[in-house]
C-alpha atoms as a PDB file:
ATOM      1  CA  MET A   1      16.180 -15.975  19.048  1.00  0.00           C
ATOM      2  CA  LEU A   2      13.333 -14.142  20.027  1.00  0.00           C
ATOM      3  CA  ASN A   3      13.858 -10.882  19.793  1.00  0.00           C
ATOM      4  CA  VAL A   4      11.638  -7.993  21.439  1.00  0.00           C
ATOM      5  CA  TYR A   5      11.796  -4.686  19.287  1.00  0.00           C
ATOM      6  CA  LYS A   6      11.298  -6.891  16.414  1.00  0.00           C
ATOM      7  CA  ILE A   7       8.264  -8.441  17.681  1.00  0.00           C
ATOM      8  CA  ILE A   8       6.830  -4.643  19.032  1.00  0.00           C
ATOM      9  CA  GLU A   9       8.111  -3.275  15.447  1.00  0.00           C
ATOM     10  CA  THR A  10       5.369  -5.937  14.106  1.00  0.00           C
ATOM     11  CA  LEU A  11       2.350  -5.256  16.092  1.00  0.00           C
ATOM     12  CA  VAL A  12       2.566  -2.084  15.775  1.00  0.00           C
ATOM     13  CA  SER A  13       3.062  -2.179  11.653  1.00  0.00           C
ATOM     14  CA  ILE A  14      -0.068  -4.260  12.140  1.00  0.00           C
ATOM     15  CA  GLN A  15      -2.245  -2.105  13.538  1.00  0.00           C
ATOM     16  CA  ILE A  16      -1.543   0.388  11.453  1.00  0.00           C
ATOM     17  CA  LEU A  17      -2.082  -1.368   8.417  1.00  0.00           C
ATOM     18  CA  ILE A  18      -5.629  -1.645   9.629  1.00  0.00           C
ATOM     19  CA  ILE A  19      -5.926   1.365  10.802  1.00  0.00           C
ATOM     20  CA  SER A  20      -5.200   3.130   7.602  1.00  0.00           C
ATOM     21  CA  THR A  21      -7.304   0.468   5.817  1.00  0.00           C
ATOM     22  CA  MET A  22     -10.031   1.709   7.058  1.00  0.00           C
ATOM     23  CA  ILE A  23      -9.230   5.332   6.954  1.00  0.00           C
ATOM     24  CA  PRO A  24     -10.522   6.584   2.976  1.00  0.00           C
ATOM     25  CA  VAL A  25      -8.565  10.286   1.017  1.00  0.00           C
ATOM     26  CA  TYR A  26     -10.555  12.748   1.476  1.00  0.00           C
ATOM     27  CA  ILE A  27      -9.368  16.394   0.426  1.00  0.00           C
ATOM     28  CA  PRO A  28     -11.703  19.034   1.139  1.00  0.00           C
ATOM     29  CA  LEU A  29     -11.963  21.809  -1.522  1.00  0.00           C
ATOM     30  CA  PRO A  30     -13.098  25.467  -0.064  1.00  0.00           C
ATOM     31  CA  PHE A  31     -15.989  27.187  -1.873  1.00  0.00           C
ATOM     32  CA  ILE A  32     -17.242  30.213  -2.307  1.00  0.00           C
ATOM     33  CA  GLN A  33     -19.697  30.447   0.322  1.00  0.00           C
ATOM     34  CA  LYS A  34     -16.989  29.900   2.894  1.00  0.00           C
ATOM     35  CA  THR A  35     -18.013  26.403   3.043  1.00  0.00           C
ATOM     36  CA  ILE A  36     -15.443  23.198   2.721  1.00  0.00           C
ATOM     37  CA  ASN A  37     -16.781  20.192   0.542  1.00  0.00           C
ATOM     38  CA  ASN A  38     -14.578  17.175   0.636  1.00  0.00           C
ATOM     39  CA  PHE A  39     -13.413  15.124  -2.435  1.00  0.00           C
ATOM     40  CA  GLU A  40     -13.496  11.629  -2.167  1.00  0.00           C
ATOM     41  CA  ILE A  41     -10.904   9.572  -4.042  1.00  0.00           C
ATOM     42  CA  PRO A  42     -11.449   6.007  -3.972  1.00  0.00           C
ATOM     43  CA  ILE A  43      -8.747   4.788  -2.157  1.00  0.00           C
ATOM     44  CA  SER A  44      -7.756   4.393   1.868  1.00  0.00           C
ATOM     45  CA  TRP A  45      -4.569   5.335   3.344  1.00  0.00           C
ATOM     46  CA  GLN A  46      -3.083   1.953   2.890  1.00  0.00           C
ATOM     47  CA  ILE A  47      -0.622   2.330   0.320  1.00  0.00           C
ATOM     48  CA  PRO A  48       1.107   5.239   1.571  1.00  0.00           C
ATOM     49  CA  THR A  49       1.388   3.525   5.125  1.00  0.00           C
ATOM     50  CA  VAL A  50       3.024   0.284   3.377  1.00  0.00           C
ATOM     51  CA  ILE A  51       5.431   2.553   2.115  1.00  0.00           C
ATOM     52  CA  VAL A  52       5.884   5.201   5.073  1.00  0.00           C
ATOM     53  CA  LEU A  53       6.282   1.521   7.319  1.00  0.00           C
ATOM     54  CA  THR A  54       8.986   0.365   5.200  1.00  0.00           C
ATOM     55  CA  LEU A  55      11.415   3.678   5.235  1.00  0.00           C
ATOM     56  CA  ILE A  56      11.266   3.347   8.908  1.00  0.00           C
ATOM     57  CA  PHE A  57      11.313  -0.496   9.342  1.00  0.00           C
ATOM     58  CA  HIS A  58      13.030  -3.249   8.006  1.00  0.00           C
ATOM     59  CA  LYS A  59      10.870  -4.756   4.887  1.00  0.00           C
ATOM     60  CA  LYS A  60      11.369  -8.775   7.112  1.00  0.00           C
ATOM     61  CA  VAL A  61       9.109  -6.602   9.771  1.00  0.00           C
ATOM     62  CA  VAL A  62       6.589  -4.940   6.803  1.00  0.00           C
ATOM     63  CA  PHE A  63       6.390  -8.336   5.314  1.00  0.00           C
ATOM     64  CA  ARG A  64       5.873 -10.362   8.410  1.00  0.00           C
ATOM     65  CA  ALA A  65       3.273  -7.510   9.197  1.00  0.00           C
ATOM     66  CA  PHE A  66       1.628  -7.551   5.987  1.00  0.00           C
ATOM     67  CA  THR A  67       1.225 -11.236   5.964  1.00  0.00           C
ATOM     68  CA  ILE A  68      -0.376 -11.473   9.318  1.00  0.00           C
ATOM     69  CA  TYR A  69      -2.672  -8.391   8.189  1.00  0.00           C
ATOM     70  CA  LEU A  70      -3.455 -10.769   5.050  1.00  0.00           C
ATOM     71  CA  ILE A  71      -4.199 -14.151   7.552  1.00  0.00           C
ATOM     72  CA  ILE A  72      -6.037 -12.261   9.130  1.00  0.00           C
ATOM     73  CA  GLY A  73      -9.134 -10.605   6.676  1.00  0.00           C
ATOM     74  CA  LEU A  74      -9.185 -13.870   5.609  1.00  0.00           C
ATOM     75  CA  PHE A  75      -9.788 -16.462   8.087  1.00  0.00           C
ATOM     76  CA  ILE A  76     -10.955 -13.892  10.731  1.00  0.00           C
ATOM     77  CA  ALA A  77     -11.985 -10.623  10.504  1.00  0.00           C
ATOM     78  CA  PRO A  78     -12.734  -8.577   7.407  1.00  0.00           C
ATOM     79  CA  ILE A  79     -10.682  -5.488   7.527  1.00  0.00           C
ATOM     80  CA  PHE A  80      -9.874  -5.232   3.964  1.00  0.00           C
ATOM     81  CA  HIS A  81     -10.870  -2.298   2.210  1.00  0.00           C
ATOM     82  CA  GLN A  82     -13.982  -4.234   0.642  1.00  0.00           C
ATOM     83  CA  GLY A  83     -13.906  -6.514   2.957  1.00  0.00           C
ATOM     84  CA  GLY A  84     -12.571  -9.991   3.902  1.00  0.00           C
ATOM     85  CA  SER A  85     -12.794 -13.487   4.062  1.00  0.00           C
ATOM     86  CA  ILE A  86     -12.013 -16.612   2.096  1.00  0.00           C
ATOM     87  CA  GLY A  87     -13.764 -15.489  -0.507  1.00  0.00           C
ATOM     88  CA  TYR A  88     -11.699 -12.383  -1.362  1.00  0.00           C
ATOM     89  CA  LEU A  89      -9.467 -14.468  -3.406  1.00  0.00           C
ATOM     90  CA  LEU A  90     -11.791 -14.423  -5.565  1.00  0.00           C
ATOM     91  CA  THR A  91     -12.273 -10.974  -5.974  1.00  0.00           C
ATOM     92  CA  PRO A  92      -9.586  -8.995  -8.817  1.00  0.00           C
ATOM     93  CA  ASN A  93      -8.774  -6.838  -5.101  1.00  0.00           C
ATOM     94  CA  PHE A  94      -6.820  -9.710  -3.868  1.00  0.00           C
ATOM     95  CA  GLY A  95      -4.472  -8.995  -6.614  1.00  0.00           C
ATOM     96  CA  TYR A  96      -3.918  -5.469  -6.049  1.00  0.00           C
ATOM     97  CA  LEU A  97      -3.070  -7.110  -1.730  1.00  0.00           C
ATOM     98  CA  ILE A  98      -0.452  -9.669  -3.298  1.00  0.00           C
ATOM     99  CA  GLY A  99       1.253  -6.738  -5.207  1.00  0.00           C
ATOM    100  CA  THR A 100       1.935  -4.922  -2.072  1.00  0.00           C
ATOM    101  CA  TYR A 101       4.553  -7.700  -1.436  1.00  0.00           C
ATOM    102  CA  PRO A 102       6.340  -6.699  -4.570  1.00  0.00           C
ATOM    103  CA  LEU A 103       5.868  -2.490  -3.497  1.00  0.00           C
ATOM    104  CA  ILE A 104       7.854  -3.464   0.498  1.00  0.00           C
ATOM    105  CA  LYS A 105      11.099  -4.642  -1.650  1.00  0.00           C
ATOM    106  CA  ILE A 106      11.296  -2.194  -4.551  1.00  0.00           C
ATOM    107  CA  ILE A 107      11.390   0.522  -1.506  1.00  0.00           C
ATOM    108  CA  ASP A 108      13.417  -1.516   0.758  1.00  0.00           C
ATOM    109  CA  ASN A 109      16.025  -1.291  -1.641  1.00  0.00           C
ATOM    110  CA  SER A 110      15.898   2.040  -2.569  1.00  0.00           C
ATOM    111  CA  ASN A 111      16.524   2.690   1.170  1.00  0.00           C
ATOM    112  CA  LYS A 112      18.730   0.250   2.192  1.00  0.00           C
ATOM    113  CA  LYS A 113      21.105   1.163  -0.894  1.00  0.00           C
ATOM    114  CA  ASP A 114      21.507   4.210   0.277  1.00  0.00           C
ATOM    115  CA  LYS A 115      19.936   7.756   1.963  1.00  0.00           C
ATOM    116  CA  ILE A 116      17.426   7.806  -0.104  1.00  0.00           C
ATOM    117  CA  ASN A 117      16.825  10.743  -1.521  1.00  0.00           C
ATOM    118  CA  ILE A 118      13.462  12.933  -2.961  1.00  0.00           C
ATOM    119  CA  ILE A 119      14.490  12.440  -6.750  1.00  0.00           C
ATOM    120  CA  ASN A 120      15.419   8.138  -6.240  1.00  0.00           C
ATOM    121  CA  PHE A 121      12.460   7.943  -4.090  1.00  0.00           C
ATOM    122  CA  LEU A 122      10.232   9.295  -6.120  1.00  0.00           C
ATOM    123  CA  LYS A 123      11.678   6.897  -9.267  1.00  0.00           C
ATOM    124  CA  LYS A 124      11.541   3.672  -6.780  1.00  0.00           C
ATOM    125  CA  GLY A 125       7.825   5.236  -5.268  1.00  0.00           C
ATOM    126  CA  PHE A 126       6.561   5.212  -9.085  1.00  0.00           C
ATOM    127  CA  LEU A 127       7.638   2.052 -10.258  1.00  0.00           C
ATOM    128  CA  SER A 128       6.577   0.529  -6.766  1.00  0.00           C
ATOM    129  CA  ILE A 129       3.410   1.785  -7.134  1.00  0.00           C
ATOM    130  CA  LEU A 130       3.474   0.026 -11.096  1.00  0.00           C
ATOM    131  CA  ALA A 131       4.838  -3.275  -9.818  1.00  0.00           C
ATOM    132  CA  LEU A 132       2.225  -2.532  -7.845  1.00  0.00           C
ATOM    133  CA  HIS A 133      -0.255  -3.028 -10.341  1.00  0.00           C
ATOM    134  CA  LEU A 134       0.470  -4.869 -12.915  1.00  0.00           C
ATOM    135  CA  THR A 135       0.504  -7.932 -10.502  1.00  0.00           C
ATOM    136  CA  GLY A 136      -3.120  -7.118  -9.552  1.00  0.00           C
ATOM    137  CA  ILE A 137      -3.553  -6.946 -13.597  1.00  0.00           C
ATOM    138  CA  LEU A 138      -2.137 -10.110 -14.023  1.00  0.00           C
ATOM    139  CA  TYR A 139      -4.159 -11.719 -11.204  1.00  0.00           C
ATOM    140  CA  ASN A 140      -6.903 -10.782 -12.844  1.00  0.00           C
ATOM    141  CA  PHE A 141      -5.906 -12.564 -15.781  1.00  0.00           C
ATOM    142  CA  ILE A 142      -4.920 -15.941 -14.403  1.00  0.00           C
ATOM    143  CA  GLN A 143      -8.672 -14.966 -12.689  1.00  0.00           C
ATOM    144  CA  MET A 144      -9.947 -14.249 -16.683  1.00  0.00           C
ATOM    145  CA  ALA A 145      -8.355 -16.976 -18.005  1.00  0.00           C
ATOM    146  CA  LEU A 146      -9.397 -19.820 -15.317  1.00  0.00           C
ATOM    147  CA  TYR A 147     -13.103 -18.301 -15.088  1.00  0.00           C
ATOM    148  CA  SER A 148     -13.656 -17.939 -18.340  1.00  0.00           C
ATOM    149  CA  GLN A 149     -14.833 -14.328 -17.515  1.00  0.00           C
ATOM    150  CA  PHE A 150     -13.622 -12.491 -20.610  1.00  0.00           C
ATOM    151  CA  ASN A 151     -16.370 -10.125 -21.227  1.00  0.00           C
ATOM    152  CA  ILE A 152     -15.278  -8.178 -17.205  1.00  0.00           C
ATOM    153  CA  PHE A 153     -11.163  -8.147 -17.296  1.00  0.00           C
ATOM    154  CA  LEU A 154     -11.387  -4.975 -18.853  1.00  0.00           C
ATOM    155  CA  TYR A 155     -13.549  -3.322 -16.693  1.00  0.00           C
ATOM    156  CA  ASN A 156     -11.691  -5.326 -13.894  1.00  0.00           C
ATOM    157  CA  ILE A 157      -8.602  -3.376 -14.760  1.00  0.00           C
ATOM    158  CA  GLY A 158     -10.043  -0.100 -15.385  1.00  0.00           C
ATOM    159  CA  GLN A 159     -11.742  -0.323 -12.509  1.00  0.00           C
ATOM    160  CA  TYR A 160      -8.775  -1.156  -9.835  1.00  0.00           C
ATOM    161  CA  SER A 161      -5.794  -0.026 -11.716  1.00  0.00           C
ATOM    162  CA  LEU A 162      -6.692   2.434 -14.186  1.00  0.00           C
ATOM    163  CA  GLY A 163      -9.395   4.555 -12.136  1.00  0.00           C
ATOM    164  CA  LYS A 164      -6.430   4.037  -9.535  1.00  0.00           C
ATOM    165  CA  ILE A 165      -3.113   4.070 -10.026  1.00  0.00           C
ATOM    166  CA  GLY A 166      -3.185   8.207 -10.417  1.00  0.00           C
ATOM    167  CA  TYR A 167      -4.553   8.609  -7.322  1.00  0.00           C
ATOM    168  CA  HIS A 168      -1.881   6.440  -5.453  1.00  0.00           C
ATOM    169  CA  PHE A 169       0.863   8.587  -7.707  1.00  0.00           C
ATOM    170  CA  LEU A 170      -0.645  11.372  -5.659  1.00  0.00           C
ATOM    171  CA  MET A 171       0.043  10.145  -2.666  1.00  0.00           C
ATOM    172  CA  LEU A 172       3.340   9.860  -3.301  1.00  0.00           C
ATOM    173  CA  ILE A 173       3.035  13.308  -2.324  1.00  0.00           C
ATOM    174  CA  PRO A 174       2.252  13.935   0.791  1.00  0.00           C
ATOM    175  CA  ILE A 175       5.335  11.171   1.784  1.00  0.00           C
ATOM    176  CA  ILE A 176       7.594  13.339   0.235  1.00  0.00           C
ATOM    177  CA  LEU A 177       7.916  15.527   2.862  1.00  0.00           C
ATOM    178  CA  LEU A 178       8.465  12.740   6.015  1.00  0.00           C
ATOM    179  CA  VAL A 179      11.456  11.075   3.403  1.00  0.00           C
ATOM    180  CA  LYS A 180      13.985  13.843   5.411  1.00  0.00           C
ATOM    181  CA  PRO A 181      13.116  13.254   8.605  1.00  0.00           C
ATOM    182  CA  ILE A 182      12.812  10.121   8.807  1.00  0.00           C
ATOM    183  CA  ASN A 183      16.027  10.147   6.595  1.00  0.00           C
ATOM    184  CA  TYR A 184      17.584  12.154   9.295  1.00  0.00           C
ATOM    185  CA  PHE A 185      16.587  10.016  12.616  1.00  0.00           C
ATOM    186  CA  ILE A 186      17.005   6.508  10.885  1.00  0.00           C
ATOM    187  CA  TYR A 187      20.515   7.138   9.870  1.00  0.00           C
ATOM    188  CA  LYS A 188      21.266   9.199  12.463  1.00  0.00           C
ATOM    189  CA  ASN A 189      20.525   6.195  15.262  1.00  0.00           C
ATOM    190  CA  ASN A 190      22.629   3.947  12.996  1.00  0.00           C
ATOM    191  CA  VAL A 191      25.689   6.077  13.144  1.00  0.00           C
END
């Protein structure tokens, strides 16, 4: 049966995913002479956005939206953080995009079992980001084994996992501020 609300939720999720991928993360740092310099973090808002979407919508909606996002990025337009096209399957980045599926599942399971609180969210958030990076490392390992690129395996892990995992953990802090309002509105509407 055609559910218009689910279609709208999916379309909104796709739009938010595409927009959040294009926005880099900057932290303004004030200095002595009343100037503000921006410190650029080497990630985009994609992972925090997926986490927030999973807290708001059902995992099927976010799975569907992320799958359509992957299809658009692979076959239609270069909407990924560092490009797109079918050749993106051969880059180490694609493993981390695949790792978003376990992230969605873990966050949704914590959201479904009970009212999500801050401690539970932090535990599941760390676990889900760790699952995302382990999936990316596994994808890199498979690529290394298939293409005999042993010399760049550690470089890829350093650049794509170790260089970004701390920032992904750091991005859980602003999401904590949204956990209580999201929890309030979701459970208020379900009662």
